[in-house]
Each structure stands twice: as C-alpha cells, then as structure tokens.
Amino acid sequence: SGVWTVDETLIPVGLAEPDAVFDWRDGP
C-alpha cells in the first residue's frame, strides 16, 4: 500500500505511494 521514502542515511522520512521509489506490482 505504500513505501517509506528515506533521508541520506536511509532513515524513513515519510510514507508515499508504492510506486514512488519503484513499482513492483507488475513484475518488472
């Protein structure tokens, strides 16, 4: 349902739509 976007040290900063980083739903 979502993906956690991160800062430069990989600590989450916010919850975004699941395709905000890369969309895995269709098996890329």
mmCIF file of all heavy atoms, coordinates in Angstrom:
data_MODEL
# 
_entry.id   MODEL 
# 
loop_
_atom_site.group_PDB 
_atom_site.id 
_atom_site.type_symbol 
_atom_site.label_atom_id 
_atom_site.label_alt_id 
_atom_site.label_comp_id 
_atom_site.label_asym_id 
_atom_site.label_entity_id 
_atom_site.label_seq_id 
_atom_site.pdbx_PDB_ins_code 
_atom_site.Cartn_x 
_atom_site.Cartn_y 
_atom_site.Cartn_z 
_atom_site.occupancy 
_atom_site.B_iso_or_equiv 
_atom_site.pdbx_formal_charge 
_atom_site.auth_seq_id 
_atom_site.auth_comp_id 
_atom_site.auth_asym_id 
_atom_site.auth_atom_id 
_atom_site.pdbx_PDB_model_num 
ATOM 1   N N   . SER A 1 1  ? 0.814  -1.222 0.000   1.00 0.00 ? 1  SER A N   1 
ATOM 2   C CA  . SER A 1 1  ? 0.000  0.000  0.000   1.00 0.00 ? 1  SER A CA  1 
ATOM 3   C C   . SER A 1 1  ? 0.843  1.266  0.000   1.00 0.00 ? 1  SER A C   1 
ATOM 4   O O   . SER A 1 1  ? 0.327  2.353  -0.269  1.00 0.00 ? 1  SER A O   1 
ATOM 5   C CB  . SER A 1 1  ? -0.930 0.007  1.213   1.00 0.00 ? 1  SER A CB  1 
ATOM 6   O OG  . SER A 1 1  ? -0.182 0.006  2.419   1.00 0.00 ? 1  SER A OG  1 
ATOM 7   N N   . GLY A 1 2  ? 2.138  1.154  0.303   1.00 0.00 ? 2  GLY A N   1 
ATOM 8   C CA  . GLY A 1 2  ? 2.988  2.337  0.344   1.00 0.00 ? 2  GLY A CA  1 
ATOM 9   C C   . GLY A 1 2  ? 4.444  1.969  0.490   1.00 0.00 ? 2  GLY A C   1 
ATOM 10  O O   . GLY A 1 2  ? 4.797  0.804  0.691   1.00 0.00 ? 2  GLY A O   1 
ATOM 11  N N   . VAL A 1 3  ? 5.300  2.975  0.360   1.00 0.00 ? 3  VAL A N   1 
ATOM 12  C CA  . VAL A 1 3  ? 6.733  2.791  0.545   1.00 0.00 ? 3  VAL A CA  1 
ATOM 13  C C   . VAL A 1 3  ? 7.266  3.953  1.376   1.00 0.00 ? 3  VAL A C   1 
ATOM 14  O O   . VAL A 1 3  ? 6.819  5.100  1.232   1.00 0.00 ? 3  VAL A O   1 
ATOM 15  C CB  . VAL A 1 3  ? 7.475  2.710  -0.807  1.00 0.00 ? 3  VAL A CB  1 
ATOM 16  C CG1 . VAL A 1 3  ? 7.323  4.002  -1.615  1.00 0.00 ? 3  VAL A CG1 1 
ATOM 17  C CG2 . VAL A 1 3  ? 8.941  2.371  -0.617  1.00 0.00 ? 3  VAL A CG2 1 
ATOM 18  N N   . TRP A 1 4  ? 8.203  3.651  2.259   1.00 0.00 ? 4  TRP A N   1 
ATOM 19  C CA  . TRP A 1 4  ? 8.812  4.675  3.086   1.00 0.00 ? 4  TRP A CA  1 
ATOM 20  C C   . TRP A 1 4  ? 9.974  5.327  2.335   1.00 0.00 ? 4  TRP A C   1 
ATOM 21  O O   . TRP A 1 4  ? 10.950 4.658  1.993   1.00 0.00 ? 4  TRP A O   1 
ATOM 22  C CB  . TRP A 1 4  ? 9.303  4.081  4.404   1.00 0.00 ? 4  TRP A CB  1 
ATOM 23  C CG  . TRP A 1 4  ? 8.181  3.728  5.327   1.00 0.00 ? 4  TRP A CG  1 
ATOM 24  C CD1 . TRP A 1 4  ? 7.599  2.516  5.487   1.00 0.00 ? 4  TRP A CD1 1 
ATOM 25  C CD2 . TRP A 1 4  ? 7.502  4.627  6.212   1.00 0.00 ? 4  TRP A CD2 1 
ATOM 26  N NE1 . TRP A 1 4  ? 6.584  2.587  6.417   1.00 0.00 ? 4  TRP A NE1 1 
ATOM 27  C CE2 . TRP A 1 4  ? 6.493  3.873  6.877   1.00 0.00 ? 4  TRP A CE2 1 
ATOM 28  C CE3 . TRP A 1 4  ? 7.634  5.981  6.515   1.00 0.00 ? 4  TRP A CE3 1 
ATOM 29  C CZ2 . TRP A 1 4  ? 5.636  4.428  7.816   1.00 0.00 ? 4  TRP A CZ2 1 
ATOM 30  C CZ3 . TRP A 1 4  ? 6.782  6.544  7.446   1.00 0.00 ? 4  TRP A CZ3 1 
ATOM 31  C CH2 . TRP A 1 4  ? 5.796  5.776  8.088   1.00 0.00 ? 4  TRP A CH2 1 
ATOM 32  N N   . THR A 1 5  ? 9.833  6.618  2.052   1.00 0.00 ? 5  THR A N   1 
ATOM 33  C CA  . THR A 1 5  ? 10.956 7.363  1.497   1.00 0.00 ? 5  THR A CA  1 
ATOM 34  C C   . THR A 1 5  ? 11.949 7.660  2.620   1.00 0.00 ? 5  THR A C   1 
ATOM 35  O O   . THR A 1 5  ? 11.585 7.676  3.801   1.00 0.00 ? 5  THR A O   1 
ATOM 36  C CB  . THR A 1 5  ? 10.486 8.668  0.844   1.00 0.00 ? 5  THR A CB  1 
ATOM 37  O OG1 . THR A 1 5  ? 9.791  9.470  1.814   1.00 0.00 ? 5  THR A OG1 1 
ATOM 38  C CG2 . THR A 1 5  ? 9.547  8.365  -0.328  1.00 0.00 ? 5  THR A CG2 1 
ATOM 39  N N   . VAL A 1 6  ? 13.219 7.876  2.249   1.00 0.00 ? 6  VAL A N   1 
ATOM 40  C CA  . VAL A 1 6  ? 14.274 7.932  3.256   1.00 0.00 ? 6  VAL A CA  1 
ATOM 41  C C   . VAL A 1 6  ? 15.178 9.139  3.051   1.00 0.00 ? 6  VAL A C   1 
ATOM 42  O O   . VAL A 1 6  ? 15.213 9.742  1.976   1.00 0.00 ? 6  VAL A O   1 
ATOM 43  C CB  . VAL A 1 6  ? 15.126 6.641  3.221   1.00 0.00 ? 6  VAL A CB  1 
ATOM 44  C CG1 . VAL A 1 6  ? 14.270 5.424  3.570   1.00 0.00 ? 6  VAL A CG1 1 
ATOM 45  C CG2 . VAL A 1 6  ? 15.787 6.444  1.857   1.00 0.00 ? 6  VAL A CG2 1 
ATOM 46  N N   . ASP A 1 7  ? 15.928 9.454  4.119   1.00 0.00 ? 7  ASP A N   1 
ATOM 47  C CA  . ASP A 1 7  ? 16.936 10.502 4.006   1.00 0.00 ? 7  ASP A CA  1 
ATOM 48  C C   . ASP A 1 7  ? 18.253 9.904  3.517   1.00 0.00 ? 7  ASP A C   1 
ATOM 49  O O   . ASP A 1 7  ? 18.318 8.724  3.142   1.00 0.00 ? 7  ASP A O   1 
ATOM 50  C CB  . ASP A 1 7  ? 17.094 11.253 5.335   1.00 0.00 ? 7  ASP A CB  1 
ATOM 51  C CG  . ASP A 1 7  ? 17.636 10.381 6.465   1.00 0.00 ? 7  ASP A CG  1 
ATOM 52  O OD1 . ASP A 1 7  ? 18.189 9.288  6.195   1.00 0.00 ? 7  ASP A OD1 1 
ATOM 53  O OD2 . ASP A 1 7  ? 17.520 10.798 7.642   1.00 0.00 ? 7  ASP A OD2 1 
ATOM 54  N N   . GLU A 1 8  ? 19.306 10.715 3.543   1.00 0.00 ? 8  GLU A N   1 
ATOM 55  C CA  . GLU A 1 8  ? 20.583 10.259 3.000   1.00 0.00 ? 8  GLU A CA  1 
ATOM 56  C C   . GLU A 1 8  ? 21.226 9.145  3.819   1.00 0.00 ? 8  GLU A C   1 
ATOM 57  O O   . GLU A 1 8  ? 22.137 8.463  3.355   1.00 0.00 ? 8  GLU A O   1 
ATOM 58  C CB  . GLU A 1 8  ? 21.558 11.436 2.878   1.00 0.00 ? 8  GLU A CB  1 
ATOM 59  C CG  . GLU A 1 8  ? 21.965 12.081 4.193   1.00 0.00 ? 8  GLU A CG  1 
ATOM 60  C CD  . GLU A 1 8  ? 20.945 13.095 4.704   1.00 0.00 ? 8  GLU A CD  1 
ATOM 61  O OE1 . GLU A 1 8  ? 19.867 13.234 4.062   1.00 0.00 ? 8  GLU A OE1 1 
ATOM 62  O OE2 . GLU A 1 8  ? 21.233 13.747 5.723   1.00 0.00 ? 8  GLU A OE2 1 
ATOM 63  N N   . THR A 1 9  ? 20.730 8.917  5.047   1.00 0.00 ? 9  THR A N   1 
ATOM 64  C CA  . THR A 1 9  ? 21.259 7.822  5.870   1.00 0.00 ? 9  THR A CA  1 
ATOM 65  C C   . THR A 1 9  ? 20.277 6.655  5.946   1.00 0.00 ? 9  THR A C   1 
ATOM 66  O O   . THR A 1 9  ? 20.425 5.771  6.782   1.00 0.00 ? 9  THR A O   1 
ATOM 67  C CB  . THR A 1 9  ? 21.598 8.304  7.287   1.00 0.00 ? 9  THR A CB  1 
ATOM 68  O OG1 . THR A 1 9  ? 20.403 8.611  8.003   1.00 0.00 ? 9  THR A OG1 1 
ATOM 69  C CG2 . THR A 1 9  ? 22.517 9.520  7.253   1.00 0.00 ? 9  THR A CG2 1 
ATOM 70  N N   . LEU A 1 10 ? 19.275 6.657  5.056   1.00 0.00 ? 10 LEU A N   1 
ATOM 71  C CA  . LEU A 1 10 ? 18.306 5.560  4.914   1.00 0.00 ? 10 LEU A CA  1 
ATOM 72  C C   . LEU A 1 10 ? 17.347 5.439  6.089   1.00 0.00 ? 10 LEU A C   1 
ATOM 73  O O   . LEU A 1 10 ? 16.784 4.368  6.343   1.00 0.00 ? 10 LEU A O   1 
ATOM 74  C CB  . LEU A 1 10 ? 19.025 4.227  4.671   1.00 0.00 ? 10 LEU A CB  1 
ATOM 75  C CG  . LEU A 1 10 ? 19.880 4.187  3.404   1.00 0.00 ? 10 LEU A CG  1 
ATOM 76  C CD1 . LEU A 1 10 ? 20.648 2.870  3.321   1.00 0.00 ? 10 LEU A CD1 1 
ATOM 77  C CD2 . LEU A 1 10 ? 19.021 4.377  2.153   1.00 0.00 ? 10 LEU A CD2 1 
ATOM 78  N N   . ILE A 1 11 ? 17.104 6.553  6.782   1.00 0.00 ? 11 ILE A N   1 
ATOM 79  C CA  . ILE A 1 11 ? 16.078 6.617  7.821   1.00 0.00 ? 11 ILE A CA  1 
ATOM 80  C C   . ILE A 1 11 ? 14.792 7.156  7.187   1.00 0.00 ? 11 ILE A C   1 
ATOM 81  O O   . ILE A 1 11 ? 14.814 8.173  6.493   1.00 0.00 ? 11 ILE A O   1 
ATOM 82  C CB  . ILE A 1 11 ? 16.526 7.518  8.981   1.00 0.00 ? 11 ILE A CB  1 
ATOM 83  C CG1 . ILE A 1 11 ? 17.771 6.946  9.648   1.00 0.00 ? 11 ILE A CG1 1 
ATOM 84  C CG2 . ILE A 1 11 ? 15.399 7.683  9.993   1.00 0.00 ? 11 ILE A CG2 1 
ATOM 85  C CD1 . ILE A 1 11 ? 17.597 5.558  10.241  1.00 0.00 ? 11 ILE A CD1 1 
ATOM 86  N N   . PRO A 1 12 ? 13.651 6.490  7.387   1.00 0.00 ? 12 PRO A N   1 
ATOM 87  C CA  . PRO A 1 12 ? 12.404 6.944  6.769   1.00 0.00 ? 12 PRO A CA  1 
ATOM 88  C C   . PRO A 1 12 ? 12.018 8.368  7.171   1.00 0.00 ? 12 PRO A C   1 
ATOM 89  O O   . PRO A 1 12 ? 12.194 8.775  8.322   1.00 0.00 ? 12 PRO A O   1 
ATOM 90  C CB  . PRO A 1 12 ? 11.372 5.936  7.291   1.00 0.00 ? 12 PRO A CB  1 
ATOM 91  C CG  . PRO A 1 12 ? 12.163 4.689  7.531   1.00 0.00 ? 12 PRO A CG  1 
ATOM 92  C CD  . PRO A 1 12 ? 13.479 5.190  8.074   1.00 0.00 ? 12 PRO A CD  1 
ATOM 93  N N   . VAL A 1 13 ? 11.480 9.083  6.175   1.00 0.00 ? 13 VAL A N   1 
ATOM 94  C CA  . VAL A 1 13 ? 11.000 10.439 6.421   1.00 0.00 ? 13 VAL A CA  1 
ATOM 95  C C   . VAL A 1 13 ? 9.517  10.593 6.101   1.00 0.00 ? 13 VAL A C   1 
ATOM 96  O O   . VAL A 1 13 ? 8.884  11.560 6.529   1.00 0.00 ? 13 VAL A O   1 
ATOM 97  C CB  . VAL A 1 13 ? 11.813 11.471 5.614   1.00 0.00 ? 13 VAL A CB  1 
ATOM 98  C CG1 . VAL A 1 13 ? 13.257 11.494 6.091   1.00 0.00 ? 13 VAL A CG1 1 
ATOM 99  C CG2 . VAL A 1 13 ? 11.761 11.197 4.110   1.00 0.00 ? 13 VAL A CG2 1 
ATOM 100 N N   . GLY A 1 14 ? 8.940  9.661  5.347   1.00 0.00 ? 14 GLY A N   1 
ATOM 101 C CA  . GLY A 1 14 ? 7.527  9.773  5.032   1.00 0.00 ? 14 GLY A CA  1 
ATOM 102 C C   . GLY A 1 14 ? 7.037  8.573  4.255   1.00 0.00 ? 14 GLY A C   1 
ATOM 103 O O   . GLY A 1 14 ? 7.815  7.860  3.607   1.00 0.00 ? 14 GLY A O   1 
ATOM 104 N N   . LEU A 1 15 ? 5.736  8.333  4.330   1.00 0.00 ? 15 LEU A N   1 
ATOM 105 C CA  . LEU A 1 15 ? 5.110  7.223  3.626   1.00 0.00 ? 15 LEU A CA  1 
ATOM 106 C C   . LEU A 1 15 ? 4.500  7.741  2.331   1.00 0.00 ? 15 LEU A C   1 
ATOM 107 O O   . LEU A 1 15 ? 3.694  8.678  2.345   1.00 0.00 ? 15 LEU A O   1 
ATOM 108 C CB  . LEU A 1 15 ? 4.037  6.573  4.500   1.00 0.00 ? 15 LEU A CB  1 
ATOM 109 C CG  . LEU A 1 15 ? 3.397  5.289  3.983   1.00 0.00 ? 15 LEU A CG  1 
ATOM 110 C CD1 . LEU A 1 15 ? 4.435  4.193  3.819   1.00 0.00 ? 15 LEU A CD1 1 
ATOM 111 C CD2 . LEU A 1 15 ? 2.292  4.832  4.930   1.00 0.00 ? 15 LEU A CD2 1 
ATOM 112 N N   . ALA A 1 16 ? 4.899  7.135  1.207   1.00 0.00 ? 16 ALA A N   1 
ATOM 113 C CA  . ALA A 1 16 ? 4.458  7.583  -0.111  1.00 0.00 ? 16 ALA A CA  1 
ATOM 114 C C   . ALA A 1 16 ? 3.706  6.467  -0.825  1.00 0.00 ? 16 ALA A C   1 
ATOM 115 O O   . ALA A 1 16 ? 3.602  5.333  -0.342  1.00 0.00 ? 16 ALA A O   1 
ATOM 116 C CB  . ALA A 1 16 ? 5.666  8.024  -0.933  1.00 0.00 ? 16 ALA A CB  1 
ATOM 117 N N   . GLU A 1 17 ? 3.182  6.781  -2.011  1.00 0.00 ? 17 GLU A N   1 
ATOM 118 C CA  . GLU A 1 17 ? 2.532  5.773  -2.834  1.00 0.00 ? 17 GLU A CA  1 
ATOM 119 C C   . GLU A 1 17 ? 3.540  4.672  -3.198  1.00 0.00 ? 17 GLU A C   1 
ATOM 120 O O   . GLU A 1 17 ? 4.741  4.937  -3.288  1.00 0.00 ? 17 GLU A O   1 
ATOM 121 C CB  . GLU A 1 17 ? 1.963  6.408  -4.106  1.00 0.00 ? 17 GLU A CB  1 
ATOM 122 C CG  . GLU A 1 17 ? 0.799  7.350  -3.849  1.00 0.00 ? 17 GLU A CG  1 
ATOM 123 C CD  . GLU A 1 17 ? -0.398 6.624  -3.239  1.00 0.00 ? 17 GLU A CD  1 
ATOM 124 O OE1 . GLU A 1 17 ? -0.763 5.539  -3.756  1.00 0.00 ? 17 GLU A OE1 1 
ATOM 125 O OE2 . GLU A 1 17 ? -0.955 7.123  -2.256  1.00 0.00 ? 17 GLU A OE2 1 
ATOM 126 N N   . PRO A 1 18 ? 3.070  3.439  -3.415  1.00 0.00 ? 18 PRO A N   1 
ATOM 127 C CA  . PRO A 1 18 ? 4.007  2.323  -3.587  1.00 0.00 ? 18 PRO A CA  1 
ATOM 128 C C   . PRO A 1 18 ? 4.914  2.438  -4.807  1.00 0.00 ? 18 PRO A C   1 
ATOM 129 O O   . PRO A 1 18 ? 5.956  1.789  -4.860  1.00 0.00 ? 18 PRO A O   1 
ATOM 130 C CB  . PRO A 1 18 ? 3.093  1.102  -3.681  1.00 0.00 ? 18 PRO A CB  1 
ATOM 131 C CG  . PRO A 1 18 ? 1.750  1.639  -4.021  1.00 0.00 ? 18 PRO A CG  1 
ATOM 132 C CD  . PRO A 1 18 ? 1.672  2.994  -3.406  1.00 0.00 ? 18 PRO A CD  1 
ATOM 133 N N   . ASP A 1 19 ? 4.561  3.282  -5.792  1.00 0.00 ? 19 ASP A N   1 
ATOM 134 C CA  . ASP A 1 19 ? 5.408  3.437  -6.968  1.00 0.00 ? 19 ASP A CA  1 
ATOM 135 C C   . ASP A 1 19 ? 6.357  4.628  -6.849  1.00 0.00 ? 19 ASP A C   1 
ATOM 136 O O   . ASP A 1 19 ? 7.045  4.982  -7.817  1.00 0.00 ? 19 ASP A O   1 
ATOM 137 C CB  . ASP A 1 19 ? 4.560  3.580  -8.227  1.00 0.00 ? 19 ASP A CB  1 
ATOM 138 C CG  . ASP A 1 19 ? 3.614  4.773  -8.183  1.00 0.00 ? 19 ASP A CG  1 
ATOM 139 O OD1 . ASP A 1 19 ? 3.538  5.452  -7.123  1.00 0.00 ? 19 ASP A OD1 1 
ATOM 140 O OD2 . ASP A 1 19 ? 2.932  5.032  -9.197  1.00 0.00 ? 19 ASP A OD2 1 
ATOM 141 N N   . ALA A 1 20 ? 6.439  5.248  -5.677  1.00 0.00 ? 20 ALA A N   1 
ATOM 142 C CA  . ALA A 1 20 ? 7.254  6.450  -5.523  1.00 0.00 ? 20 ALA A CA  1 
ATOM 143 C C   . ALA A 1 20 ? 8.746  6.165  -5.672  1.00 0.00 ? 20 ALA A C   1 
ATOM 144 O O   . ALA A 1 20 ? 9.512  7.035  -6.104  1.00 0.00 ? 20 ALA A O   1 
ATOM 145 C CB  . ALA A 1 20 ? 6.985  7.096  -4.158  1.00 0.00 ? 20 ALA A CB  1 
ATOM 146 N N   . VAL A 1 21 ? 9.190  4.969  -5.301  1.00 0.00 ? 21 VAL A N   1 
ATOM 147 C CA  . VAL A 1 21 ? 10.591 4.580  -5.470  1.00 0.00 ? 21 VAL A CA  1 
ATOM 148 C C   . VAL A 1 21 ? 10.734 3.699  -6.702  1.00 0.00 ? 21 VAL A C   1 
ATOM 149 O O   . VAL A 1 21 ? 11.531 3.973  -7.597  1.00 0.00 ? 21 VAL A O   1 
ATOM 150 C CB  . VAL A 1 21 ? 11.106 3.844  -4.221  1.00 0.00 ? 21 VAL A CB  1 
ATOM 151 C CG1 . VAL A 1 21 ? 12.521 3.308  -4.432  1.00 0.00 ? 21 VAL A CG1 1 
ATOM 152 C CG2 . VAL A 1 21 ? 11.068 4.767  -3.008  1.00 0.00 ? 21 VAL A CG2 1 
ATOM 153 N N   . PHE A 1 22 ? 9.952  2.627  -6.752  1.00 0.00 ? 22 PHE A N   1 
ATOM 154 C CA  . PHE A 1 22 ? 9.903  1.729  -7.911  1.00 0.00 ? 22 PHE A CA  1 
ATOM 155 C C   . PHE A 1 22 ? 8.666  0.863  -7.748  1.00 0.00 ? 22 PHE A C   1 
ATOM 156 O O   . PHE A 1 22 ? 8.376  0.405  -6.645  1.00 0.00 ? 22 PHE A O   1 
ATOM 157 C CB  . PHE A 1 22 ? 11.169 0.867  -7.982  1.00 0.00 ? 22 PHE A CB  1 
ATOM 158 C CG  . PHE A 1 22 ? 11.339 0.139  -9.288  1.00 0.00 ? 22 PHE A CG  1 
ATOM 159 C CD1 . PHE A 1 22 ? 11.584 0.840  -10.459 1.00 0.00 ? 22 PHE A CD1 1 
ATOM 160 C CD2 . PHE A 1 22 ? 11.253 -1.240 -9.348  1.00 0.00 ? 22 PHE A CD2 1 
ATOM 161 C CE1 . PHE A 1 22 ? 11.745 0.181  -11.677 1.00 0.00 ? 22 PHE A CE1 1 
ATOM 162 C CE2 . PHE A 1 22 ? 11.416 -1.911 -10.552 1.00 0.00 ? 22 PHE A CE2 1 
ATOM 163 C CZ  . PHE A 1 22 ? 11.665 -1.196 -11.724 1.00 0.00 ? 22 PHE A CZ  1 
ATOM 164 N N   . ASP A 1 23 ? 7.960  0.666  -8.843  1.00 0.00 ? 23 ASP A N   1 
ATOM 165 C CA  . ASP A 1 23 ? 6.695  -0.059 -8.798  1.00 0.00 ? 23 ASP A CA  1 
ATOM 166 C C   . ASP A 1 23 ? 6.933  -1.532 -9.134  1.00 0.00 ? 23 ASP A C   1 
ATOM 167 O O   . ASP A 1 23 ? 7.288  -1.879 -10.261 1.00 0.00 ? 23 ASP A O   1 
ATOM 168 C CB  . ASP A 1 23 ? 5.715  0.560  -9.794  1.00 0.00 ? 23 ASP A CB  1 
ATOM 169 C CG  . ASP A 1 23 ? 4.291  0.061  -9.597  1.00 0.00 ? 23 ASP A CG  1 
ATOM 170 O OD1 . ASP A 1 23 ? 4.113  -0.906 -8.834  1.00 0.00 ? 23 ASP A OD1 1 
ATOM 171 O OD2 . ASP A 1 23 ? 3.371  0.648  -10.196 1.00 0.00 ? 23 ASP A OD2 1 
ATOM 172 N N   . TRP A 1 24 ? 6.710  -2.405 -8.150  1.00 0.00 ? 24 TRP A N   1 
ATOM 173 C CA  . TRP A 1 24 ? 6.956  -3.834 -8.309  1.00 0.00 ? 24 TRP A CA  1 
ATOM 174 C C   . TRP A 1 24 ? 5.703  -4.629 -8.633  1.00 0.00 ? 24 TRP A C   1 
ATOM 175 O O   . TRP A 1 24 ? 5.774  -5.853 -8.803  1.00 0.00 ? 24 TRP A O   1 
ATOM 176 C CB  . TRP A 1 24 ? 7.564  -4.400 -7.020  1.00 0.00 ? 24 TRP A CB  1 
ATOM 177 C CG  . TRP A 1 24 ? 8.835  -3.741 -6.605  1.00 0.00 ? 24 TRP A CG  1 
ATOM 178 C CD1 . TRP A 1 24 ? 8.982  -2.741 -5.689  1.00 0.00 ? 24 TRP A CD1 1 
ATOM 179 C CD2 . TRP A 1 24 ? 10.162 -4.039 -7.073  1.00 0.00 ? 24 TRP A CD2 1 
ATOM 180 N NE1 . TRP A 1 24 ? 10.313 -2.395 -5.551  1.00 0.00 ? 24 TRP A NE1 1 
ATOM 181 C CE2 . TRP A 1 24 ? 11.059 -3.177 -6.389  1.00 0.00 ? 24 TRP A CE2 1 
ATOM 182 C CE3 . TRP A 1 24 ? 10.676 -4.961 -7.992  1.00 0.00 ? 24 TRP A CE3 1 
ATOM 183 C CZ2 . TRP A 1 24 ? 12.438 -3.198 -6.605  1.00 0.00 ? 24 TRP A CZ2 1 
ATOM 184 C CZ3 . TRP A 1 24 ? 12.045 -4.991 -8.214  1.00 0.00 ? 24 TRP A CZ3 1 
ATOM 185 C CH2 . TRP A 1 24 ? 12.914 -4.117 -7.524  1.00 0.00 ? 24 TRP A CH2 1 
ATOM 186 N N   . ARG A 1 25 ? 4.572  -3.982 -8.757  1.00 0.00 ? 25 ARG A N   1 
ATOM 187 C CA  . ARG A 1 25 ? 3.310  -4.700 -8.823  1.00 0.00 ? 25 ARG A CA  1 
ATOM 188 C C   . ARG A 1 25 ? 3.182  -5.599 -10.051 1.00 0.00 ? 25 ARG A C   1 
ATOM 189 O O   . ARG A 1 25 ? 2.583  -6.676 -9.977  1.00 0.00 ? 25 ARG A O   1 
ATOM 190 C CB  . ARG A 1 25 ? 2.141  -3.710 -8.760  1.00 0.00 ? 25 ARG A CB  1 
ATOM 191 C CG  . ARG A 1 25 ? 1.926  -3.127 -7.376  1.00 0.00 ? 25 ARG A CG  1 
ATOM 192 C CD  . ARG A 1 25 ? 0.889  -2.026 -7.364  1.00 0.00 ? 25 ARG A CD  1 
ATOM 193 N NE  . ARG A 1 25 ? 1.377  -0.808 -8.030  1.00 0.00 ? 25 ARG A NE  1 
ATOM 194 C CZ  . ARG A 1 25 ? 0.746  0.351  -8.016  1.00 0.00 ? 25 ARG A CZ  1 
ATOM 195 N NH1 . ARG A 1 25 ? -0.414 0.459  -7.385  1.00 0.00 ? 25 ARG A NH1 1 
ATOM 196 N NH2 . ARG A 1 25 ? 1.262  1.398  -8.638  1.00 0.00 ? 25 ARG A NH2 1 
ATOM 197 N N   . ASP A 1 26 ? 3.727  -5.184 -11.174 1.00 0.00 ? 26 ASP A N   1 
ATOM 198 C CA  . ASP A 1 26 ? 3.557  -5.945 -12.415 1.00 0.00 ? 26 ASP A CA  1 
ATOM 199 C C   . ASP A 1 26 ? 4.768  -6.806 -12.750 1.00 0.00 ? 26 ASP A C   1 
ATOM 200 O O   . ASP A 1 26 ? 4.896  -7.292 -13.874 1.00 0.00 ? 26 ASP A O   1 
ATOM 201 C CB  . ASP A 1 26 ? 3.251  -4.998 -13.578 1.00 0.00 ? 26 ASP A CB  1 
ATOM 202 C CG  . ASP A 1 26 ? 1.902  -4.297 -13.411 1.00 0.00 ? 26 ASP A CG  1 
ATOM 203 O OD1 . ASP A 1 26 ? 0.993  -4.931 -12.834 1.00 0.00 ? 26 ASP A OD1 1 
ATOM 204 O OD2 . ASP A 1 26 ? 1.773  -3.139 -13.844 1.00 0.00 ? 26 ASP A OD2 1 
ATOM 205 N N   . GLY A 1 27 ? 5.671  -6.997 -11.804 1.00 0.00 ? 27 GLY A N   1 
ATOM 206 C CA  . GLY A 1 27 ? 6.793  -7.898 -12.016 1.00 0.00 ? 27 GLY A CA  1 
ATOM 207 C C   . GLY A 1 27 ? 7.858  -7.378 -12.954 1.00 0.00 ? 27 GLY A C   1 
ATOM 208 O O   . GLY A 1 27 ? 8.237  -8.077 -13.912 1.00 0.00 ? 27 GLY A O   1 
ATOM 209 N N   . PRO A 1 28 ? 8.398  -6.195 -12.710 1.00 0.00 ? 28 PRO A N   1 
ATOM 210 C CA  . PRO A 1 28 ? 9.440  -5.664 -13.588 1.00 0.00 ? 28 PRO A CA  1 
ATOM 211 C C   . PRO A 1 28 ? 10.769 -6.401 -13.420 1.00 0.00 ? 28 PRO A C   1 
ATOM 212 O O   . PRO A 1 28 ? 11.009 -7.069 -12.408 1.00 0.00 ? 28 PRO A O   1 
ATOM 213 C CB  . PRO A 1 28 ? 9.567  -4.214 -13.122 1.00 0.00 ? 28 PRO A CB  1 
ATOM 214 C CG  . PRO A 1 28 ? 9.219  -4.277 -11.667 1.00 0.00 ? 28 PRO A CG  1 
ATOM 215 C CD  . PRO A 1 28 ? 8.120  -5.297 -11.577 1.00 0.00 ? 28 PRO A CD  1 
# 
